[in-house]
Amino acid sequence: MDEMYQVMTEMEQRLELALSDMENGIDLTQDDIDVIRAACGKPSNKRNQLLQTVFNDFGKVFGGNHATV
């Protein structure tokens, strides 16, 4: 149980730093954004660039609209 408490405490501290940076107008790093998203239970909105390229190429080869990931 101590290990879980340690993880939660570290996450809370990391979130507090990210929110403090945001409030002070400091540019957030991707890590800061990931911590905030994790705390809110929201998934990342990053697109998988490799898959996007494959879908675009597929669309060009087979002449249809390309899908987005």
PDB file of N, CA and C in Angstrom:
ATOM      1  N   MET A   1       0.824  -1.203   0.000  1.00  0.00           N
ATOM      2  CA  MET A   1       0.000   0.000   0.000  1.00  0.00           C
ATOM      3  C   MET A   1       0.861   1.258   0.000  1.00  0.00           C
ATOM      4  N   ASP A   2       2.042   1.168   0.618  1.00  0.00           N
ATOM      5  CA  ASP A   2       2.933   2.324   0.642  1.00  0.00           C
ATOM      6  C   ASP A   2       3.380   2.718  -0.757  1.00  0.00           C
ATOM      7  N   GLU A   3       3.593   1.722  -1.626  1.00  0.00           N
ATOM      8  CA  GLU A   3       4.025   2.004  -2.994  1.00  0.00           C
ATOM      9  C   GLU A   3       2.942   2.762  -3.759  1.00  0.00           C
ATOM     10  N   MET A   4       1.687   2.360  -3.591  1.00  0.00           N
ATOM     11  CA  MET A   4       0.574   3.044  -4.253  1.00  0.00           C
ATOM     12  C   MET A   4       0.445   4.479  -3.736  1.00  0.00           C
ATOM     13  N   TYR A   5       0.619   4.652  -2.459  1.00  0.00           N
ATOM     14  CA  TYR A   5       0.566   5.995  -1.873  1.00  0.00           C
ATOM     15  C   TYR A   5       1.676   6.866  -2.454  1.00  0.00           C
ATOM     16  N   GLN A   6       2.863   6.313  -2.609  1.00  0.00           N
ATOM     17  CA  GLN A   6       4.003   7.034  -3.167  1.00  0.00           C
ATOM     18  C   GLN A   6       3.710   7.464  -4.610  1.00  0.00           C
ATOM     19  N   VAL A   7       3.155   6.566  -5.398  1.00  0.00           N
ATOM     20  CA  VAL A   7       2.818   6.884  -6.791  1.00  0.00           C
ATOM     21  C   VAL A   7       1.776   7.994  -6.854  1.00  0.00           C
ATOM     22  N   MET A   8       0.767   7.894  -6.025  1.00  0.00           N
ATOM     23  CA  MET A   8      -0.287   8.916  -6.006  1.00  0.00           C
ATOM     24  C   MET A   8       0.264  10.274  -5.563  1.00  0.00           C
ATOM     25  N   THR A   9       1.149  10.257  -4.582  1.00  0.00           N
ATOM     26  CA  THR A   9       1.757  11.502  -4.099  1.00  0.00           C
ATOM     27  C   THR A   9       2.612  12.147  -5.184  1.00  0.00           C
ATOM     28  N   GLU A  10       3.404  11.332  -5.886  1.00  0.00           N
ATOM     29  CA  GLU A  10       4.231  11.855  -6.977  1.00  0.00           C
ATOM     30  C   GLU A  10       3.374  12.428  -8.098  1.00  0.00           C
ATOM     31  N   MET A  11       2.290  11.742  -8.427  1.00  0.00           N
ATOM     32  CA  MET A  11       1.382  12.220  -9.472  1.00  0.00           C
ATOM     33  C   MET A  11       0.755  13.547  -9.056  1.00  0.00           C
ATOM     34  N   GLU A  12       0.345  13.637  -7.821  1.00  0.00           N
ATOM     35  CA  GLU A  12      -0.266  14.877  -7.321  1.00  0.00           C
ATOM     36  C   GLU A  12       0.743  16.030  -7.362  1.00  0.00           C
ATOM     37  N   GLN A  13       1.976  15.772  -6.971  1.00  0.00           N
ATOM     38  CA  GLN A  13       3.010  16.809  -7.011  1.00  0.00           C
ATOM     39  C   GLN A  13       3.288  17.243  -8.443  1.00  0.00           C
ATOM     40  N   ARG A  14       3.361  16.278  -9.353  1.00  0.00           N
ATOM     41  CA  ARG A  14       3.624  16.579 -10.765  1.00  0.00           C
ATOM     42  C   ARG A  14       2.478  17.394 -11.368  1.00  0.00           C
ATOM     43  N   LEU A  15       1.252  17.044 -11.001  1.00  0.00           N
ATOM     44  CA  LEU A  15       0.085  17.782 -11.470  1.00  0.00           C
ATOM     45  C   LEU A  15       0.093  19.203 -10.926  1.00  0.00           C
ATOM     46  N   GLU A  16       0.446  19.340  -9.672  1.00  0.00           N
ATOM     47  CA  GLU A  16       0.500  20.658  -9.059  1.00  0.00           C
ATOM     48  C   GLU A  16       1.510  21.557  -9.768  1.00  0.00           C
ATOM     49  N   LEU A  17       2.676  20.999 -10.126  1.00  0.00           N
ATOM     50  CA  LEU A  17       3.685  21.770 -10.863  1.00  0.00           C
ATOM     51  C   LEU A  17       3.182  22.183 -12.243  1.00  0.00           C
ATOM     52  N   ALA A  18       2.539  21.258 -12.944  1.00  0.00           N
ATOM     53  CA  ALA A  18       2.024  21.555 -14.283  1.00  0.00           C
ATOM     54  C   ALA A  18       0.960  22.646 -14.230  1.00  0.00           C
ATOM     55  N   LEU A  19       0.066  22.550 -13.267  1.00  0.00           N
ATOM     56  CA  LEU A  19      -0.982  23.560 -13.146  1.00  0.00           C
ATOM     57  C   LEU A  19      -0.407  24.911 -12.726  1.00  0.00           C
ATOM     58  N   SER A  20       0.597  24.891 -11.884  1.00  0.00           N
ATOM     59  CA  SER A  20       1.261  26.128 -11.474  1.00  0.00           C
ATOM     60  C   SER A  20       1.923  26.799 -12.672  1.00  0.00           C
ATOM     61  N   ASP A  21       2.618  26.010 -13.493  1.00  0.00           N
ATOM     62  CA  ASP A  21       3.229  26.560 -14.706  1.00  0.00           C
ATOM     63  C   ASP A  21       2.170  27.171 -15.609  1.00  0.00           C
ATOM     64  N   MET A  22       1.060  26.485 -15.759  1.00  0.00           N
ATOM     65  CA  MET A  22      -0.016  26.979 -16.609  1.00  0.00           C
ATOM     66  C   MET A  22      -0.552  28.312 -16.075  1.00  0.00           C
ATOM     67  N   GLU A  23      -0.787  28.380 -14.786  1.00  0.00           N
ATOM     68  CA  GLU A  23      -1.322  29.602 -14.171  1.00  0.00           C
ATOM     69  C   GLU A  23      -0.345  30.771 -14.276  1.00  0.00           C
ATOM     70  N   ASN A  24       0.943  30.462 -14.311  1.00  0.00           N
ATOM     71  CA  ASN A  24       1.963  31.510 -14.381  1.00  0.00           C
ATOM     72  C   ASN A  24       2.373  31.845 -15.806  1.00  0.00           C
ATOM     73  N   GLY A  25       1.685  31.273 -16.776  1.00  0.00           N
ATOM     74  CA  GLY A  25       1.937  31.589 -18.168  1.00  0.00           C
ATOM     75  C   GLY A  25       3.176  30.937 -18.750  1.00  0.00           C
ATOM     76  N   ILE A  26       3.691  29.918 -18.070  1.00  0.00           N
ATOM     77  CA  ILE A  26       4.855  29.193 -18.570  1.00  0.00           C
ATOM     78  C   ILE A  26       4.360  28.147 -19.562  1.00  0.00           C
ATOM     79  N   ASP A  27       5.035  28.065 -20.713  1.00  0.00           N
ATOM     80  CA  ASP A  27       4.637  27.082 -21.721  1.00  0.00           C
ATOM     81  C   ASP A  27       4.695  25.680 -21.141  1.00  0.00           C
ATOM     82  N   LEU A  28       3.633  24.927 -21.359  1.00  0.00           N
ATOM     83  CA  LEU A  28       3.574  23.554 -20.863  1.00  0.00           C
ATOM     84  C   LEU A  28       4.341  22.629 -21.790  1.00  0.00           C
ATOM     85  N   THR A  29       5.028  21.674 -21.203  1.00  0.00           N
ATOM     86  CA  THR A  29       5.693  20.644 -21.994  1.00  0.00           C
ATOM     87  C   THR A  29       4.657  19.574 -22.319  1.00  0.00           C
ATOM     88  N   GLN A  30       5.001  18.683 -23.233  1.00  0.00           N
ATOM     89  CA  GLN A  30       4.098  17.577 -23.548  1.00  0.00           C
ATOM     90  C   GLN A  30       3.880  16.712 -22.312  1.00  0.00           C
ATOM     91  N   ASP A  31       4.917  16.582 -21.483  1.00  0.00           N
ATOM     92  CA  ASP A  31       4.793  15.813 -20.247  1.00  0.00           C
ATOM     93  C   ASP A  31       3.774  16.460 -19.305  1.00  0.00           C
ATOM     94  N   ASP A  32       3.797  17.797 -19.219  1.00  0.00           N
ATOM     95  CA  ASP A  32       2.818  18.509 -18.392  1.00  0.00           C
ATOM     96  C   ASP A  32       1.397  18.225 -18.881  1.00  0.00           C
ATOM     97  N   ILE A  33       1.216  18.294 -20.177  1.00  0.00           N
ATOM     98  CA  ILE A  33      -0.102  18.055 -20.770  1.00  0.00           C
ATOM     99  C   ILE A  33      -0.554  16.621 -20.513  1.00  0.00           C
ATOM    100  N   ASP A  34       0.368  15.674 -20.642  1.00  0.00           N
ATOM    101  CA  ASP A  34       0.040  14.267 -20.388  1.00  0.00           C
ATOM    102  C   ASP A  34      -0.373  14.047 -18.941  1.00  0.00           C
ATOM    103  N   VAL A  35       0.294  14.719 -18.009  1.00  0.00           N
ATOM    104  CA  VAL A  35      -0.044  14.592 -16.585  1.00  0.00           C
ATOM    105  C   VAL A  35      -1.445  15.145 -16.322  1.00  0.00           C
ATOM    106  N   ILE A  36      -1.743  16.288 -16.903  1.00  0.00           N
ATOM    107  CA  ILE A  36      -3.071  16.888 -16.725  1.00  0.00           C
ATOM    108  C   ILE A  36      -4.145  15.992 -17.332  1.00  0.00           C
ATOM    109  N   ARG A  37      -3.900  15.477 -18.523  1.00  0.00           N
ATOM    110  CA  ARG A  37      -4.863  14.566 -19.167  1.00  0.00           C
ATOM    111  C   ARG A  37      -5.084  13.318 -18.324  1.00  0.00           C
ATOM    112  N   ALA A  38      -4.015  12.750 -17.799  1.00  0.00           N
ATOM    113  CA  ALA A  38      -4.132  11.538 -16.980  1.00  0.00           C
ATOM    114  C   ALA A  38      -4.956  11.813 -15.723  1.00  0.00           C
ATOM    115  N   ALA A  39      -4.739  12.966 -15.120  1.00  0.00           N
ATOM    116  CA  ALA A  39      -5.476  13.313 -13.904  1.00  0.00           C
ATOM    117  C   ALA A  39      -6.960  13.501 -14.187  1.00  0.00           C
ATOM    118  N   CYS A  40      -7.271  13.943 -15.410  1.00  0.00           N
ATOM    119  CA  CYS A  40      -8.675  14.153 -15.798  1.00  0.00           C
ATOM    120  C   CYS A  40      -9.304  12.909 -16.411  1.00  0.00           C
ATOM    121  N   GLY A  41      -8.501  11.878 -16.629  1.00  0.00           N
ATOM    122  CA  GLY A  41      -9.016  10.661 -17.241  1.00  0.00           C
ATOM    123  C   GLY A  41      -9.311  10.810 -18.720  1.00  0.00           C
ATOM    124  N   LYS A  42      -8.600  11.731 -19.373  1.00  0.00           N
ATOM    125  CA  LYS A  42      -8.803  11.975 -20.801  1.00  0.00           C
ATOM    126  C   LYS A  42      -7.659  11.376 -21.600  1.00  0.00           C
ATOM    127  N   PRO A  43      -7.959  10.673 -22.685  1.00  0.00           N
ATOM    128  CA  PRO A  43      -6.902  10.093 -23.513  1.00  0.00           C
ATOM    129  C   PRO A  43      -6.180  11.163 -24.324  1.00  0.00           C
ATOM    130  N   SER A  44      -5.024  10.815 -24.822  1.00  0.00           N
ATOM    131  CA  SER A  44      -4.249  11.716 -25.657  1.00  0.00           C
ATOM    132  C   SER A  44      -4.935  11.883 -27.013  1.00  0.00           C
ATOM    133  N   ASN A  45      -4.849  13.068 -27.562  1.00  0.00           N
ATOM    134  CA  ASN A  45      -5.426  13.338 -28.885  1.00  0.00           C
ATOM    135  C   ASN A  45      -4.394  13.253 -29.994  1.00  0.00           C
ATOM    136  N   LYS A  46      -3.209  12.736 -29.669  1.00  0.00           N
ATOM    137  CA  LYS A  46      -2.144  12.644 -30.668  1.00  0.00           C
ATOM    138  C   LYS A  46      -2.553  11.685 -31.776  1.00  0.00           C
ATOM    139  N   ARG A  47      -2.252  12.075 -32.994  1.00  0.00           N
ATOM    140  CA  ARG A  47      -2.493  11.185 -34.129  1.00  0.00           C
ATOM    141  C   ARG A  47      -1.252  10.343 -34.348  1.00  0.00           C
ATOM    142  N   ASN A  48      -1.473   9.147 -34.785  1.00  0.00           N
ATOM    143  CA  ASN A  48      -0.372   8.267 -35.131  1.00  0.00           C
ATOM    144  C   ASN A  48       0.065   8.628 -36.545  1.00  0.00           C
ATOM    145  N   GLN A  49       1.196   9.332 -36.660  1.00  0.00           N
ATOM    146  CA  GLN A  49       1.652   9.836 -37.952  1.00  0.00           C
ATOM    147  C   GLN A  49       1.963   8.720 -38.936  1.00  0.00           C
ATOM    148  N   LEU A  50       2.533   7.613 -38.468  1.00  0.00           N
ATOM    149  CA  LEU A  50       2.833   6.501 -39.366  1.00  0.00           C
ATOM    150  C   LEU A  50       1.556   5.951 -39.989  1.00  0.00           C
ATOM    151  N   LEU A  51       0.543   5.714 -39.159  1.00  0.00           N
ATOM    152  CA  LEU A  51      -0.724   5.207 -39.696  1.00  0.00           C
ATOM    153  C   LEU A  51      -1.378   6.223 -40.619  1.00  0.00           C
ATOM    154  N   GLN A  52      -1.283   7.503 -40.287  1.00  0.00           N
ATOM    155  CA  GLN A  52      -1.870   8.531 -41.140  1.00  0.00           C
ATOM    156  C   GLN A  52      -1.221   8.506 -42.519  1.00  0.00           C
ATOM    157  N   THR A  53       0.095   8.339 -42.564  1.00  0.00           N
ATOM    158  CA  THR A  53       0.816   8.257 -43.836  1.00  0.00           C
ATOM    159  C   THR A  53       0.378   7.035 -44.635  1.00  0.00           C
ATOM    160  N   VAL A  54       0.241   5.910 -43.959  1.00  0.00           N
ATOM    161  CA  VAL A  54      -0.199   4.682 -44.633  1.00  0.00           C
ATOM    162  C   VAL A  54      -1.593   4.877 -45.221  1.00  0.00           C
ATOM    163  N   PHE A  55      -2.510   5.460 -44.447  1.00  0.00           N
ATOM    164  CA  PHE A  55      -3.870   5.694 -44.942  1.00  0.00           C
ATOM    165  C   PHE A  55      -3.875   6.665 -46.122  1.00  0.00           C
ATOM    166  N   ASN A  56      -3.052   7.688 -46.054  1.00  0.00           N
ATOM    167  CA  ASN A  56      -2.970   8.645 -47.157  1.00  0.00           C
ATOM    168  C   ASN A  56      -2.461   7.966 -48.428  1.00  0.00           C
ATOM    169  N   ASP A  57      -1.407   7.154 -48.281  1.00  0.00           N
ATOM    170  CA  ASP A  57      -0.868   6.428 -49.429  1.00  0.00           C
ATOM    171  C   ASP A  57      -1.891   5.448 -49.995  1.00  0.00           C
ATOM    172  N   PHE A  58      -2.609   4.766 -49.130  1.00  0.00           N
ATOM    173  CA  PHE A  58      -3.644   3.831 -49.548  1.00  0.00           C
ATOM    174  C   PHE A  58      -4.702   4.565 -50.380  1.00  0.00           C
ATOM    175  N   GLY A  59      -5.095   5.738 -49.906  1.00  0.00           N
ATOM    176  CA  GLY A  59      -6.081   6.539 -50.625  1.00  0.00           C
ATOM    177  C   GLY A  59      -5.594   6.963 -51.996  1.00  0.00           C
ATOM    178  N   LYS A  60      -4.311   7.309 -52.092  1.00  0.00           N
ATOM    179  CA  LYS A  60      -3.746   7.708 -53.386  1.00  0.00           C
ATOM    180  C   LYS A  60      -3.699   6.528 -54.350  1.00  0.00           C
ATOM    181  N   VAL A  61      -3.304   5.365 -53.852  1.00  0.00           N
ATOM    182  CA  VAL A  61      -3.173   4.183 -54.702  1.00  0.00           C
ATOM    183  C   VAL A  61      -4.537   3.698 -55.192  1.00  0.00           C
ATOM    184  N   PHE A  62      -5.511   3.655 -54.302  1.00  0.00           N
ATOM    185  CA  PHE A  62      -6.807   3.095 -54.658  1.00  0.00           C
ATOM    186  C   PHE A  62      -7.858   4.148 -54.985  1.00  0.00           C
ATOM    187  N   GLY A  63      -7.451   5.413 -55.009  1.00  0.00           N
ATOM    188  CA  GLY A  63      -8.302   6.482 -55.516  1.00  0.00           C
ATOM    189  C   GLY A  63      -9.528   6.832 -54.714  1.00  0.00           C
ATOM    190  N   GLY A  64      -9.538   6.584 -53.457  1.00  0.00           N
ATOM    191  CA  GLY A  64     -10.680   6.966 -52.632  1.00  0.00           C
ATOM    192  C   GLY A  64     -10.289   8.061 -51.671  1.00  0.00           C
ATOM    193  N   ASN A  65     -11.273   8.480 -50.912  1.00  0.00           N
ATOM    194  CA  ASN A  65     -10.964   9.423 -49.836  1.00  0.00           C
ATOM    195  C   ASN A  65     -10.120   8.697 -48.809  1.00  0.00           C
ATOM    196  N   HIS A  66      -9.150   9.406 -48.256  1.00  0.00           N
ATOM    197  CA  HIS A  66      -8.324   8.751 -47.244  1.00  0.00           C
ATOM    198  C   HIS A  66      -8.964   8.918 -45.873  1.00  0.00           C
ATOM    199  N   ALA A  67      -8.785   7.895 -45.080  1.00  0.00           N
ATOM    200  CA  ALA A  67      -9.320   7.908 -43.714  1.00  0.00           C
ATOM    201  C   ALA A  67      -8.347   8.619 -42.803  1.00  0.00           C
ATOM    202  N   THR A  68      -8.840   9.051 -41.676  1.00  0.00           N
ATOM    203  CA  THR A  68      -7.975   9.654 -40.675  1.00  0.00           C
ATOM    204  C   THR A  68      -8.005   8.803 -39.439  1.00  0.00           C
ATOM    205  N   VAL A  69      -6.881   8.787 -38.762  1.00  0.00           N
ATOM    206  CA  VAL A  69      -6.753   8.006 -37.530  1.00  0.00           C
ATOM    207  C   VAL A  69      -7.031   8.907 -36.371  1.00  0.00           C
TER     208      VAL A  69
END
